């Protein structure tokens, strides 16, 4: 997780949420997320997403999420859809 993302999340969790967290709770959530693997989007990931979206009924952006999950070896992928 990049520093600007961590700071945005901290502000959202402690001030903008309907049920704000304490600073300690926000830091615990950030620490937990920081342990997750992060994939840098590169040309290879973009190519994989473009190919996948061309062969499946996925938008490019959804295909990029799937391609990233495959590359990091994710066993489960959650979606808001």
Protein backbone atom coordinates (compact mmCIF):
# COMPACT_ATOMS: atom_id res chain seq x y z
CA UNK A 1 0.00 0.00 0.00
CA UNK A 2 1.40 3.38 -0.98
CA UNK A 3 1.74 6.12 1.64
CA UNK A 4 -0.86 8.36 -0.02
CA UNK A 5 -3.34 5.48 -0.04
CA UNK A 6 -2.65 4.77 3.62
CA UNK A 7 -3.21 8.39 4.57
CA UNK A 8 -6.42 8.60 2.50
CA UNK A 9 -7.70 5.45 4.16
CA UNK A 10 -6.82 6.75 7.62
CA UNK A 11 -8.77 9.97 7.02
CA UNK A 12 -11.73 8.07 5.60
CA UNK A 13 -11.83 5.61 8.49
CA UNK A 14 -11.42 8.20 11.25
CA UNK A 15 -13.37 11.17 9.87
CA UNK A 16 -15.46 10.49 6.76
CA UNK A 17 -17.07 7.18 7.68
CA UNK A 18 -20.64 7.06 8.98
CA UNK A 19 -19.19 5.22 12.00
CA UNK A 20 -15.65 6.60 12.41
CA UNK A 21 -12.89 4.39 13.83
CA UNK A 22 -10.42 5.40 16.45
CA UNK A 23 -6.89 6.17 15.27
CA UNK A 24 -5.71 2.83 16.70
CA UNK A 25 -8.43 0.94 14.83
CA UNK A 26 -7.54 2.73 11.59
CA UNK A 27 -3.84 1.92 12.05
CA UNK A 28 -4.67 -1.74 12.71
CA UNK A 29 -6.68 -1.88 9.48
CA UNK A 30 -3.85 -0.23 7.53
CA UNK A 31 -1.32 -2.65 9.02
CA UNK A 32 -3.50 -5.59 7.98
CA UNK A 33 -3.88 -4.31 4.42
CA UNK A 34 -0.15 -3.56 4.16
CA UNK A 35 0.56 -7.27 4.61
CA UNK A 36 -1.36 -8.17 1.44
CA UNK A 37 0.58 -8.73 -1.79
CA UNK A 38 0.52 -5.82 -4.22
CA UNK A 39 0.90 -6.17 -7.96
CA UNK A 40 2.39 -3.31 -9.92
CA UNK A 41 0.30 -2.90 -13.06
CA UNK A 42 2.67 -3.30 -15.98
CA UNK A 43 2.39 -3.94 -19.70
CA UNK A 44 2.08 -7.68 -19.12
CA UNK A 45 -0.90 -7.21 -16.80
CA UNK A 46 -2.51 -4.79 -19.26
CA UNK A 47 -2.06 -7.26 -22.13
CA UNK A 48 -3.55 -10.09 -20.05
CA UNK A 49 -6.54 -7.92 -19.15
CA UNK A 50 -7.09 -6.83 -22.75
CA UNK A 51 -7.03 -10.45 -23.92
CA UNK A 52 -9.31 -11.60 -21.12
CA UNK A 53 -11.85 -8.84 -21.71
CA UNK A 54 -11.89 -9.75 -25.39
CA UNK A 55 -12.69 -13.40 -24.65
CA UNK A 56 -15.05 -12.99 -21.69
CA UNK A 57 -17.93 -10.74 -20.75
CA UNK A 58 -15.76 -8.58 -18.53
CA UNK A 59 -14.90 -4.93 -18.75
CA UNK A 60 -11.21 -4.15 -19.15
CA UNK A 61 -11.03 -2.96 -15.53
CA UNK A 62 -12.65 -6.13 -14.16
CA UNK A 63 -10.35 -8.21 -16.35
CA UNK A 64 -7.35 -6.32 -14.94
CA UNK A 65 -8.45 -7.25 -11.43
CA UNK A 66 -8.79 -10.90 -12.46
CA UNK A 67 -5.41 -10.86 -14.23
CA UNK A 68 -3.76 -9.36 -11.15
CA UNK A 69 -5.38 -11.94 -8.88
CA UNK A 70 -4.14 -14.76 -11.12
CA UNK A 71 -0.60 -13.36 -11.19
CA UNK A 72 -0.32 -13.18 -7.40
CA UNK A 73 -1.86 -16.64 -6.99
CA UNK A 74 -5.04 -15.55 -5.26
CA UNK A 75 -7.32 -18.43 -4.33
CA UNK A 76 -10.34 -16.18 -3.73
CA UNK A 77 -11.45 -12.96 -5.42
CA UNK A 78 -14.21 -10.86 -3.88
CA UNK A 79 -16.19 -8.40 -5.97
CA UNK A 80 -18.77 -5.73 -5.29
CA UNK A 81 -20.62 -7.05 -8.32
